[in-house]
Amino acid sequence: MLENGVRFMQFRSKSLVGASLLGQARLAADLARQADAVLIINDYPEVAERSGAHGVHLGMEDGSPSRASELMGDHAIVGRTIHSVEEACQVKEEGGCGYVGLGPFRSSKTKPGLRPVLEYPDFTEIKTVLDPIPIYLIGGLGLSDFELIDDLGVAGLAICSALSEEGSFGANLKVFVNRSKAYEKEEVAS
C-alpha cells in the first residue's frame, strides 16, 4: 500500500490477537511513519497506543472516543463508524471524534451482514448533525464513486474491497491513488 502511494490507512484484523496483533500493528506503524503516512488501528485503542499508530477507529461498541484520547493523548486521531441518525447524535454528544465513517452505502464484502439502510436525505441529516466533523463514506465503494464526495458533501471515501481483485491483493491500489490525486487537483482547480 505504501509503495503505491497510500498515505492514510486503517489496520484491521479480526484474526490476530495478543502479541501477534501488537507486533503486526507496530510493524505497520513503523512502516507508515517511514513513508510519512498515517496509520489508524481498528477497534483497539490500547494496541494503537502501544504500537505508535496515529490513532484508532472505533465502532459504536468499541469504547468511547474520550477514553481513547485519554489513553493515546490529544494528538491521536480518533474516528468512529456510524450507521444512523441516532448514532450520529450520540457521536456528536460524546465528542472527541476527529472524523466519522458513515455507511454502509452499499453491501460490502468486508462486512457482509450490514445492509445499506441510508437514503440520500439521511446523509443530509447526518451531515447536519455532525457538522463540522468530517464524514467519510464507507461500504461497497469503487473507482466510479468519487462523485459521491460532492453529491453527498462528505470529506472523502473509505475504500477496502475494491483495492484488490480475487486472488490479487492490492491489484487496484495504484489506480485508486491516481484517481484520488486527480480528484484533489480537480477540487483545487474549482
N, C-alpha and C. Protein backbone atom coordinates (compact mmCIF):
# COMPACT_ATOMS: atom_id res chain seq x y z
N MET A 1 0.82 -1.19 0.00
CA MET A 1 0.00 0.00 0.00
C MET A 1 0.87 1.25 0.00
N LEU A 2 1.86 1.27 0.87
CA LEU A 2 2.72 2.44 0.95
C LEU A 2 3.52 2.64 -0.33
N GLU A 3 4.00 1.56 -0.91
CA GLU A 3 4.77 1.66 -2.15
C GLU A 3 3.94 2.21 -3.30
N ASN A 4 2.62 2.06 -3.21
CA ASN A 4 1.74 2.57 -4.26
C ASN A 4 1.18 3.95 -3.95
N GLY A 5 1.63 4.56 -2.85
CA GLY A 5 1.25 5.94 -2.57
C GLY A 5 0.10 6.15 -1.60
N VAL A 6 -0.39 5.09 -0.96
CA VAL A 6 -1.44 5.26 0.03
C VAL A 6 -0.84 6.00 1.23
N ARG A 7 -1.53 7.05 1.70
CA ARG A 7 -0.99 7.86 2.78
C ARG A 7 -1.88 7.94 4.01
N PHE A 8 -3.04 7.30 3.97
CA PHE A 8 -3.93 7.21 5.14
C PHE A 8 -4.56 5.84 5.08
N MET A 9 -4.27 5.02 6.07
CA MET A 9 -4.79 3.65 6.02
C MET A 9 -5.17 3.16 7.41
N GLN A 10 -6.02 2.16 7.37
CA GLN A 10 -6.51 1.55 8.61
C GLN A 10 -6.00 0.11 8.68
N PHE A 11 -5.49 -0.25 9.84
CA PHE A 11 -5.07 -1.62 10.11
C PHE A 11 -6.25 -2.31 10.79
N ARG A 12 -6.79 -3.33 10.11
CA ARG A 12 -7.96 -4.04 10.62
C ARG A 12 -7.70 -5.53 10.54
N SER A 13 -7.78 -6.21 11.68
CA SER A 13 -7.61 -7.66 11.70
C SER A 13 -8.63 -8.25 12.65
N LYS A 14 -9.35 -9.23 12.17
CA LYS A 14 -10.31 -9.95 13.01
C LYS A 14 -9.76 -11.32 13.42
N SER A 15 -8.52 -11.63 12.99
CA SER A 15 -7.96 -12.94 13.32
C SER A 15 -6.75 -12.87 14.24
N LEU A 16 -5.98 -11.80 14.21
CA LEU A 16 -4.81 -11.67 15.08
C LEU A 16 -5.25 -11.25 16.48
N VAL A 17 -4.55 -11.76 17.48
CA VAL A 17 -4.81 -11.38 18.87
C VAL A 17 -3.50 -11.24 19.62
N GLY A 18 -3.56 -10.59 20.78
CA GLY A 18 -2.42 -10.52 21.69
C GLY A 18 -1.15 -10.00 21.07
N ALA A 19 -0.06 -10.71 21.34
CA ALA A 19 1.27 -10.28 20.89
C ALA A 19 1.37 -10.25 19.36
N SER A 20 0.67 -11.15 18.68
CA SER A 20 0.71 -11.15 17.21
C SER A 20 0.08 -9.89 16.65
N LEU A 21 -1.05 -9.50 17.20
CA LEU A 21 -1.73 -8.28 16.77
C LEU A 21 -0.84 -7.07 17.04
N LEU A 22 -0.30 -6.98 18.24
CA LEU A 22 0.56 -5.84 18.59
C LEU A 22 1.81 -5.81 17.72
N GLY A 23 2.42 -6.94 17.49
CA GLY A 23 3.62 -6.98 16.65
C GLY A 23 3.36 -6.50 15.24
N GLN A 24 2.27 -6.95 14.64
CA GLN A 24 1.94 -6.52 13.28
C GLN A 24 1.56 -5.04 13.25
N ALA A 25 0.86 -4.57 14.28
CA ALA A 25 0.49 -3.16 14.36
C ALA A 25 1.74 -2.28 14.49
N ARG A 26 2.71 -2.73 15.30
CA ARG A 26 3.96 -1.98 15.44
C ARG A 26 4.72 -1.90 14.12
N LEU A 27 4.79 -3.02 13.44
CA LEU A 27 5.45 -3.04 12.14
C LEU A 27 4.76 -2.09 11.17
N ALA A 28 3.43 -2.15 11.11
CA ALA A 28 2.67 -1.27 10.21
C ALA A 28 2.87 0.20 10.58
N ALA A 29 2.86 0.51 11.88
CA ALA A 29 3.06 1.90 12.32
C ALA A 29 4.45 2.40 11.95
N ASP A 30 5.47 1.56 12.14
CA ASP A 30 6.84 1.95 11.77
C ASP A 30 6.95 2.22 10.27
N LEU A 31 6.40 1.32 9.47
CA LEU A 31 6.44 1.49 8.02
C LEU A 31 5.68 2.74 7.59
N ALA A 32 4.53 3.00 8.20
CA ALA A 32 3.74 4.19 7.86
C ALA A 32 4.53 5.46 8.17
N ARG A 33 5.14 5.51 9.33
CA ARG A 33 5.93 6.70 9.69
C ARG A 33 7.09 6.92 8.72
N GLN A 34 7.77 5.84 8.33
CA GLN A 34 8.88 5.96 7.38
C GLN A 34 8.41 6.52 6.04
N ALA A 35 7.17 6.24 5.68
CA ALA A 35 6.62 6.71 4.40
C ALA A 35 5.83 8.01 4.55
N ASP A 36 5.86 8.60 5.74
CA ASP A 36 5.11 9.83 6.03
C ASP A 36 3.62 9.62 5.77
N ALA A 37 3.13 8.47 6.21
CA ALA A 37 1.72 8.11 6.07
C ALA A 37 1.09 8.01 7.46
N VAL A 38 -0.23 8.02 7.48
CA VAL A 38 -0.99 7.94 8.73
C VAL A 38 -1.58 6.54 8.85
N LEU A 39 -1.41 5.95 10.03
CA LEU A 39 -1.96 4.62 10.30
C LEU A 39 -2.94 4.71 11.46
N ILE A 40 -4.13 4.19 11.23
CA ILE A 40 -5.17 4.09 12.24
C ILE A 40 -5.40 2.61 12.53
N ILE A 41 -5.50 2.26 13.80
CA ILE A 41 -5.77 0.87 14.20
C ILE A 41 -7.27 0.73 14.43
N ASN A 42 -7.86 -0.29 13.86
CA ASN A 42 -9.29 -0.54 14.02
C ASN A 42 -9.58 -1.25 15.34
N ASP A 43 -10.52 -0.75 16.10
CA ASP A 43 -11.11 -1.39 17.27
C ASP A 43 -10.32 -1.34 18.57
N TYR A 44 -9.01 -1.23 18.57
CA TYR A 44 -8.20 -1.46 19.76
C TYR A 44 -7.37 -0.23 20.17
N PRO A 45 -7.91 0.64 21.03
CA PRO A 45 -7.14 1.82 21.45
C PRO A 45 -5.81 1.47 22.12
N GLU A 46 -5.80 0.40 22.91
CA GLU A 46 -4.56 0.02 23.60
C GLU A 46 -3.48 -0.41 22.60
N VAL A 47 -3.88 -1.14 21.59
CA VAL A 47 -2.93 -1.57 20.55
C VAL A 47 -2.46 -0.35 19.76
N ALA A 48 -3.37 0.56 19.47
CA ALA A 48 -2.99 1.78 18.76
C ALA A 48 -1.96 2.56 19.55
N GLU A 49 -2.19 2.71 20.83
CA GLU A 49 -1.27 3.47 21.69
C GLU A 49 0.08 2.76 21.80
N ARG A 50 0.06 1.47 22.05
CA ARG A 50 1.31 0.72 22.26
C ARG A 50 2.11 0.53 20.97
N SER A 51 1.44 0.57 19.83
CA SER A 51 2.13 0.37 18.56
C SER A 51 2.74 1.65 18.01
N GLY A 52 2.29 2.79 18.52
CA GLY A 52 2.77 4.06 17.98
C GLY A 52 1.98 4.52 16.77
N ALA A 53 0.79 3.93 16.55
CA ALA A 53 -0.07 4.36 15.44
C ALA A 53 -0.54 5.80 15.68
N HIS A 54 -1.03 6.43 14.64
CA HIS A 54 -1.50 7.81 14.73
C HIS A 54 -2.87 7.93 15.40
N GLY A 55 -3.61 6.82 15.43
CA GLY A 55 -4.94 6.90 16.03
C GLY A 55 -5.66 5.57 16.00
N VAL A 56 -6.95 5.66 16.29
CA VAL A 56 -7.79 4.47 16.40
C VAL A 56 -9.15 4.75 15.77
N HIS A 57 -9.73 3.72 15.19
CA HIS A 57 -11.07 3.80 14.63
C HIS A 57 -11.98 2.86 15.43
N LEU A 58 -13.05 3.41 15.98
CA LEU A 58 -13.93 2.67 16.87
C LEU A 58 -15.31 2.45 16.27
N GLY A 59 -15.83 1.24 16.46
CA GLY A 59 -17.25 1.01 16.20
C GLY A 59 -18.03 1.54 17.39
N MET A 60 -19.32 1.53 17.31
CA MET A 60 -20.14 2.06 18.39
C MET A 60 -20.03 1.22 19.66
N GLU A 61 -19.54 -0.01 19.56
CA GLU A 61 -19.41 -0.90 20.71
C GLU A 61 -17.96 -1.03 21.20
N ASP A 62 -17.06 -0.23 20.64
CA ASP A 62 -15.62 -0.39 20.92
C ASP A 62 -15.06 0.59 21.94
N GLY A 63 -15.89 1.17 22.77
CA GLY A 63 -15.40 2.13 23.75
C GLY A 63 -15.61 3.55 23.28
N SER A 64 -15.30 4.49 24.15
CA SER A 64 -15.58 5.90 23.86
C SER A 64 -14.37 6.61 23.26
N PRO A 65 -14.64 7.59 22.40
CA PRO A 65 -13.55 8.40 21.85
C PRO A 65 -12.77 9.13 22.95
N SER A 66 -13.47 9.60 23.99
CA SER A 66 -12.76 10.32 25.04
C SER A 66 -11.79 9.40 25.78
N ARG A 67 -12.19 8.16 26.00
CA ARG A 67 -11.29 7.18 26.64
C ARG A 67 -10.09 6.90 25.75
N ALA A 68 -10.32 6.77 24.46
CA ALA A 68 -9.21 6.54 23.51
C ALA A 68 -8.26 7.73 23.52
N SER A 69 -8.79 8.94 23.54
CA SER A 69 -7.95 10.14 23.58
C SER A 69 -7.15 10.23 24.88
N GLU A 70 -7.78 9.86 25.99
CA GLU A 70 -7.06 9.85 27.27
C GLU A 70 -5.88 8.88 27.21
N LEU A 71 -6.12 7.71 26.62
CA LEU A 71 -5.10 6.69 26.53
C LEU A 71 -3.97 7.09 25.58
N MET A 72 -4.35 7.64 24.42
CA MET A 72 -3.38 7.92 23.37
C MET A 72 -2.82 9.34 23.39
N GLY A 73 -3.51 10.25 24.05
CA GLY A 73 -3.07 11.64 24.07
C GLY A 73 -3.87 12.49 23.10
N ASP A 74 -3.81 13.78 23.31
CA ASP A 74 -4.60 14.72 22.50
C ASP A 74 -4.22 14.73 21.02
N HIS A 75 -3.02 14.30 20.71
CA HIS A 75 -2.54 14.28 19.32
C HIS A 75 -3.18 13.16 18.49
N ALA A 76 -3.78 12.17 19.15
CA ALA A 76 -4.30 10.99 18.45
C ALA A 76 -5.52 11.33 17.59
N ILE A 77 -5.60 10.67 16.47
CA ILE A 77 -6.77 10.76 15.60
C ILE A 77 -7.75 9.69 16.05
N VAL A 78 -8.97 10.08 16.37
CA VAL A 78 -9.97 9.12 16.80
C VAL A 78 -11.17 9.22 15.87
N GLY A 79 -11.50 8.09 15.25
CA GLY A 79 -12.65 8.03 14.35
C GLY A 79 -13.68 7.05 14.87
N ARG A 80 -14.85 7.12 14.30
CA ARG A 80 -15.96 6.28 14.73
C ARG A 80 -16.78 5.92 13.50
N THR A 81 -17.31 4.69 13.46
CA THR A 81 -18.23 4.28 12.40
C THR A 81 -19.65 4.44 12.90
N ILE A 82 -20.49 5.02 12.05
CA ILE A 82 -21.90 5.14 12.38
C ILE A 82 -22.75 4.65 11.21
N HIS A 83 -24.03 4.30 11.57
CA HIS A 83 -24.94 3.76 10.56
C HIS A 83 -26.31 4.43 10.59
N SER A 84 -26.50 5.44 11.44
CA SER A 84 -27.84 6.03 11.57
C SER A 84 -27.77 7.45 12.11
N VAL A 85 -28.88 8.14 11.99
CA VAL A 85 -29.01 9.49 12.56
C VAL A 85 -28.84 9.42 14.07
N GLU A 86 -29.41 8.40 14.69
CA GLU A 86 -29.30 8.25 16.15
C GLU A 86 -27.85 8.11 16.59
N GLU A 87 -27.09 7.30 15.87
CA GLU A 87 -25.67 7.15 16.21
C GLU A 87 -24.90 8.44 15.96
N ALA A 88 -25.29 9.19 14.94
CA ALA A 88 -24.65 10.49 14.68
C ALA A 88 -24.88 11.43 15.86
N CYS A 89 -26.10 11.44 16.39
CA CYS A 89 -26.42 12.27 17.56
C CYS A 89 -25.58 11.86 18.75
N GLN A 90 -25.40 10.55 18.95
CA GLN A 90 -24.60 10.05 20.06
C GLN A 90 -23.14 10.48 19.91
N VAL A 91 -22.59 10.36 18.70
CA VAL A 91 -21.20 10.74 18.45
C VAL A 91 -21.01 12.24 18.71
N LYS A 92 -21.94 13.04 18.25
CA LYS A 92 -21.83 14.49 18.45
C LYS A 92 -21.88 14.82 19.95
N GLU A 93 -22.77 14.15 20.66
CA GLU A 93 -22.92 14.40 22.10
C GLU A 93 -21.69 13.96 22.89
N GLU A 94 -21.12 12.80 22.56
CA GLU A 94 -19.97 12.30 23.31
C GLU A 94 -18.69 13.06 22.99
N GLY A 95 -18.61 13.66 21.80
CA GLY A 95 -17.43 14.44 21.43
C GLY A 95 -16.20 13.57 21.25
N GLY A 96 -15.11 14.20 20.87
CA GLY A 96 -13.83 13.52 20.78
C GLY A 96 -13.49 12.86 19.46
N CYS A 97 -14.41 12.90 18.48
CA CYS A 97 -14.12 12.27 17.19
C CYS A 97 -13.51 13.27 16.22
N GLY A 98 -12.43 12.86 15.58
CA GLY A 98 -11.80 13.67 14.55
C GLY A 98 -12.41 13.46 13.18
N TYR A 99 -13.09 12.34 13.00
CA TYR A 99 -13.77 12.02 11.75
C TYR A 99 -14.76 10.90 12.02
N VAL A 100 -15.67 10.70 11.06
CA VAL A 100 -16.66 9.63 11.16
C VAL A 100 -16.71 8.88 9.84
N GLY A 101 -16.79 7.54 9.92
CA GLY A 101 -17.08 6.71 8.75
C GLY A 101 -18.57 6.45 8.74
N LEU A 102 -19.23 6.72 7.64
CA LEU A 102 -20.69 6.62 7.55
C LEU A 102 -21.09 5.62 6.48
N GLY A 103 -21.93 4.67 6.86
CA GLY A 103 -22.42 3.73 5.86
C GLY A 103 -23.08 2.54 6.53
N PRO A 104 -23.23 1.44 5.84
CA PRO A 104 -22.68 1.22 4.51
C PRO A 104 -23.52 1.88 3.42
N PHE A 105 -22.82 2.40 2.43
CA PHE A 105 -23.50 2.99 1.29
C PHE A 105 -24.10 1.87 0.42
N ARG A 106 -23.33 0.80 0.26
CA ARG A 106 -23.78 -0.41 -0.45
C ARG A 106 -23.36 -1.62 0.38
N SER A 107 -23.79 -2.79 -0.04
CA SER A 107 -23.31 -4.03 0.58
C SER A 107 -21.80 -4.11 0.36
N SER A 108 -21.13 -4.74 1.32
CA SER A 108 -19.68 -4.80 1.28
C SER A 108 -19.19 -6.21 1.58
N LYS A 109 -18.12 -6.60 0.92
CA LYS A 109 -17.52 -7.91 1.18
C LYS A 109 -16.88 -7.96 2.56
N THR A 110 -16.42 -6.82 3.07
CA THR A 110 -15.74 -6.83 4.36
C THR A 110 -16.70 -6.91 5.53
N LYS A 111 -17.94 -6.50 5.35
CA LYS A 111 -18.97 -6.60 6.39
C LYS A 111 -20.28 -7.04 5.75
N PRO A 112 -20.35 -8.30 5.35
CA PRO A 112 -21.50 -8.77 4.58
C PRO A 112 -22.84 -8.72 5.34
N GLY A 113 -22.81 -8.71 6.66
CA GLY A 113 -24.06 -8.68 7.43
C GLY A 113 -24.75 -7.34 7.44
N LEU A 114 -24.01 -6.27 7.15
CA LEU A 114 -24.61 -4.94 7.15
C LEU A 114 -25.25 -4.66 5.80
N ARG A 115 -26.42 -4.12 5.84
CA ARG A 115 -27.12 -3.75 4.61
C ARG A 115 -27.28 -2.24 4.57
N PRO A 116 -27.19 -1.67 3.39
CA PRO A 116 -27.40 -0.23 3.28
C PRO A 116 -28.84 0.12 3.70
N VAL A 117 -28.94 1.01 4.63
CA VAL A 117 -30.27 1.42 5.10
C VAL A 117 -30.45 2.92 4.97
N LEU A 118 -29.43 3.62 4.56
CA LEU A 118 -29.49 5.07 4.49
C LEU A 118 -29.93 5.54 3.11
N GLU A 119 -30.83 6.48 3.11
CA GLU A 119 -31.28 7.14 1.88
C GLU A 119 -30.54 8.48 1.78
N TYR A 120 -30.58 9.12 0.62
CA TYR A 120 -29.90 10.39 0.45
C TYR A 120 -30.32 11.43 1.51
N PRO A 121 -31.62 11.54 1.85
CA PRO A 121 -31.98 12.50 2.91
C PRO A 121 -31.32 12.19 4.26
N ASP A 122 -31.07 10.90 4.53
CA ASP A 122 -30.39 10.53 5.77
C ASP A 122 -28.97 11.10 5.80
N PHE A 123 -28.28 11.03 4.67
CA PHE A 123 -26.92 11.56 4.60
C PHE A 123 -26.93 13.06 4.90
N THR A 124 -27.90 13.76 4.34
CA THR A 124 -28.01 15.21 4.57
C THR A 124 -28.26 15.50 6.04
N GLU A 125 -29.16 14.77 6.66
CA GLU A 125 -29.46 14.99 8.07
C GLU A 125 -28.25 14.65 8.95
N ILE A 126 -27.59 13.55 8.66
CA ILE A 126 -26.41 13.15 9.44
C ILE A 126 -25.30 14.18 9.29
N LYS A 127 -25.12 14.67 8.08
CA LYS A 127 -24.10 15.70 7.86
C LYS A 127 -24.39 16.94 8.70
N THR A 128 -25.65 17.33 8.76
CA THR A 128 -26.05 18.49 9.57
C THR A 128 -25.80 18.23 11.05
N VAL A 129 -26.15 17.04 11.52
CA VAL A 129 -25.95 16.68 12.93
C VAL A 129 -24.47 16.73 13.29
N LEU A 130 -23.62 16.18 12.45
CA LEU A 130 -22.19 16.03 12.77
C LEU A 130 -21.34 17.26 12.51
N ASP A 131 -21.83 18.20 11.73
CA ASP A 131 -21.05 19.37 11.36
C ASP A 131 -20.36 19.97 12.58
N PRO A 132 -19.08 20.20 12.58
CA PRO A 132 -18.11 20.23 11.49
C PRO A 132 -17.24 18.97 11.39
N ILE A 133 -17.64 17.86 12.00
CA ILE A 133 -16.85 16.63 11.95
C ILE A 133 -16.81 16.09 10.52
N PRO A 134 -15.63 15.84 9.96
CA PRO A 134 -15.54 15.29 8.60
C PRO A 134 -16.15 13.89 8.53
N ILE A 135 -16.85 13.63 7.45
CA ILE A 135 -17.51 12.34 7.23
C ILE A 135 -16.89 11.67 6.01
N TYR A 136 -16.57 10.38 6.17
CA TYR A 136 -16.04 9.57 5.07
C TYR A 136 -17.04 8.46 4.80
N LEU A 137 -17.45 8.35 3.57
CA LEU A 137 -18.42 7.34 3.16
C LEU A 137 -17.75 5.97 3.11
N ILE A 138 -18.45 4.95 3.63
CA ILE A 138 -17.91 3.59 3.65
C ILE A 138 -18.93 2.60 3.08
N GLY A 139 -18.43 1.47 2.62
CA GLY A 139 -19.30 0.36 2.25
C GLY A 139 -19.51 0.17 0.77
N GLY A 140 -18.81 -0.79 0.20
CA GLY A 140 -19.04 -1.21 -1.18
C GLY A 140 -18.68 -0.18 -2.23
N LEU A 141 -17.77 0.69 -1.94
CA LEU A 141 -17.42 1.78 -2.86
C LEU A 141 -16.36 1.35 -3.86
N GLY A 142 -16.41 1.97 -5.04
CA GLY A 142 -15.47 1.66 -6.10
C GLY A 142 -14.91 2.91 -6.75
N LEU A 143 -14.17 2.70 -7.81
CA LEU A 143 -13.48 3.77 -8.51
C LEU A 143 -14.44 4.82 -9.07
N SER A 144 -15.61 4.40 -9.47
CA SER A 144 -16.57 5.34 -10.07
C SER A 144 -17.34 6.16 -9.04
N ASP A 145 -17.04 5.99 -7.77
CA ASP A 145 -17.82 6.65 -6.72
C ASP A 145 -17.25 7.97 -6.21
N PHE A 146 -16.19 8.47 -6.81
CA PHE A 146 -15.61 9.73 -6.33
C PHE A 146 -16.60 10.89 -6.42
N GLU A 147 -17.54 10.84 -7.36
CA GLU A 147 -18.53 11.93 -7.48
C GLU A 147 -19.43 12.00 -6.25
N LEU A 148 -19.52 10.92 -5.48
CA LEU A 148 -20.33 10.93 -4.26
C LEU A 148 -19.80 11.93 -3.23
N ILE A 149 -18.51 12.23 -3.29
CA ILE A 149 -17.93 13.20 -2.35
C ILE A 149 -18.68 14.52 -2.47
N ASP A 150 -18.84 15.00 -3.70
CA ASP A 150 -19.57 16.25 -3.91
C ASP A 150 -21.07 16.07 -3.78
N ASP A 151 -21.60 14.97 -4.33
CA ASP A 151 -23.05 14.74 -4.29
C ASP A 151 -23.59 14.70 -2.86
N LEU A 152 -22.85 14.07 -1.95
CA LEU A 152 -23.30 13.92 -0.58
C LEU A 152 -22.66 14.92 0.39
N GLY A 153 -21.67 15.66 -0.10
CA GLY A 153 -21.00 16.63 0.75
C GLY A 153 -20.15 16.01 1.84
N VAL A 154 -19.54 14.86 1.53
CA VAL A 154 -18.68 14.20 2.51
C VAL A 154 -17.22 14.58 2.24
N ALA A 155 -16.36 14.30 3.21
CA ALA A 155 -14.94 14.65 3.08
C ALA A 155 -14.19 13.70 2.16
N GLY A 156 -14.67 12.47 2.03
CA GLY A 156 -13.97 11.51 1.20
C GLY A 156 -14.58 10.13 1.27
N LEU A 157 -13.87 9.18 0.68
CA LEU A 157 -14.32 7.79 0.60
C LEU A 157 -13.33 6.88 1.32
N ALA A 158 -13.84 5.86 1.98
CA ALA A 158 -13.01 4.81 2.57
C ALA A 158 -13.17 3.57 1.70
N ILE A 159 -12.08 3.11 1.12
CA ILE A 159 -12.11 2.02 0.15
C ILE A 159 -11.39 0.81 0.74
N CYS A 160 -11.97 -0.37 0.54
CA CYS A 160 -11.29 -1.59 1.00
C CYS A 160 -11.32 -2.66 -0.09
N SER A 161 -12.45 -3.33 -0.24
CA SER A 161 -12.55 -4.48 -1.15
C SER A 161 -12.15 -4.15 -2.58
N ALA A 162 -12.51 -2.96 -3.05
CA ALA A 162 -12.24 -2.60 -4.44
C ALA A 162 -10.75 -2.39 -4.72
N LEU A 163 -9.93 -2.34 -3.68
CA LEU A 163 -8.49 -2.19 -3.88
C LEU A 163 -7.84 -3.46 -4.42
N SER A 164 -8.53 -4.56 -4.26
CA SER A 164 -7.98 -5.86 -4.68
C SER A 164 -8.90 -6.52 -5.69
N GLU A 165 -8.36 -7.53 -6.34
CA GLU A 165 -9.15 -8.40 -7.21
C GLU A 165 -9.01 -9.80 -6.65
N GLU A 166 -9.94 -10.66 -6.97
CA GLU A 166 -9.89 -12.02 -6.45
C GLU A 166 -8.52 -12.63 -6.69
N GLY A 167 -7.88 -13.06 -5.59
CA GLY A 167 -6.58 -13.70 -5.70
C GLY A 167 -5.41 -12.75 -5.87
N SER A 168 -5.67 -11.44 -5.87
CA SER A 168 -4.59 -10.48 -6.09
C SER A 168 -4.78 -9.25 -5.21
N PHE A 169 -4.25 -9.35 -3.98
CA PHE A 169 -4.38 -8.24 -3.04
C PHE A 169 -3.71 -6.99 -3.60
N GLY A 170 -4.41 -5.89 -3.52
CA GLY A 170 -3.85 -4.60 -3.89
C GLY A 170 -3.68 -4.36 -5.37
N ALA A 171 -4.30 -5.17 -6.20
CA ALA A 171 -4.14 -5.04 -7.65
C ALA A 171 -4.58 -3.67 -8.16
N ASN A 172 -5.50 -3.03 -7.46
CA ASN A 172 -6.05 -1.75 -7.93
C ASN A 172 -5.56 -0.54 -7.13
N LEU A 173 -4.58 -0.74 -6.28
CA LEU A 173 -4.10 0.35 -5.44
C LEU A 173 -3.66 1.57 -6.24
N LYS A 174 -2.80 1.36 -7.22
CA LYS A 174 -2.26 2.48 -7.99
C LYS A 174 -3.36 3.25 -8.70
N VAL A 175 -4.34 2.54 -9.22
CA VAL A 175 -5.45 3.20 -9.92
C VAL A 175 -6.22 4.10 -8.96
N PHE A 176 -6.47 3.61 -7.74
CA PHE A 176 -7.19 4.42 -6.75
C PHE A 176 -6.36 5.61 -6.29
N VAL A 177 -5.08 5.40 -6.06
CA VAL A 177 -4.21 6.51 -5.65
C VAL A 177 -4.19 7.58 -6.73
N ASN A 178 -4.05 7.18 -7.97
CA ASN A 178 -4.04 8.14 -9.08
C ASN A 178 -5.38 8.88 -9.19
N ARG A 179 -6.48 8.16 -9.04
CA ARG A 179 -7.80 8.80 -9.10
C ARG A 179 -7.99 9.78 -7.95
N SER A 180 -7.50 9.40 -6.78
CA SER A 180 -7.59 10.28 -5.62
C SER A 180 -6.79 11.56 -5.84
N LYS A 181 -5.58 11.43 -6.36
CA LYS A 181 -4.75 12.61 -6.64
C LYS A 181 -5.39 13.48 -7.70
N ALA A 182 -5.97 12.87 -8.73
CA ALA A 182 -6.66 13.63 -9.78
C ALA A 182 -7.86 14.36 -9.19
N TYR A 183 -8.59 13.69 -8.30
CA TYR A 183 -9.75 14.33 -7.67
C TYR A 183 -9.30 15.53 -6.84
N GLU A 184 -8.22 15.39 -6.08
CA GLU A 184 -7.71 16.50 -5.29
C GLU A 184 -7.37 17.69 -6.18
N LYS A 185 -6.74 17.44 -7.33
CA LYS A 185 -6.39 18.51 -8.27
C LYS A 185 -7.65 19.17 -8.83
N GLU A 186 -8.68 18.36 -9.12
CA GLU A 186 -9.94 18.91 -9.61
C GLU A 186 -10.55 19.84 -8.57
N GLU A 187 -10.49 19.44 -7.30
CA GLU A 187 -11.04 20.25 -6.21
C GLU A 187 -10.30 21.57 -6.06
N VAL A 188 -8.97 21.51 -6.17
CA VAL A 188 -8.16 22.73 -6.04
C VAL A 188 -8.45 23.67 -7.20
N ALA A 189 -8.63 23.12 -8.40
CA ALA A 189 -8.88 23.94 -9.59
C ALA A 189 -10.26 24.60 -9.58
N SER A 190 -11.23 23.99 -8.87
CA SER A 190 -12.58 24.58 -8.91
C SER A 190 -12.81 25.64 -7.91
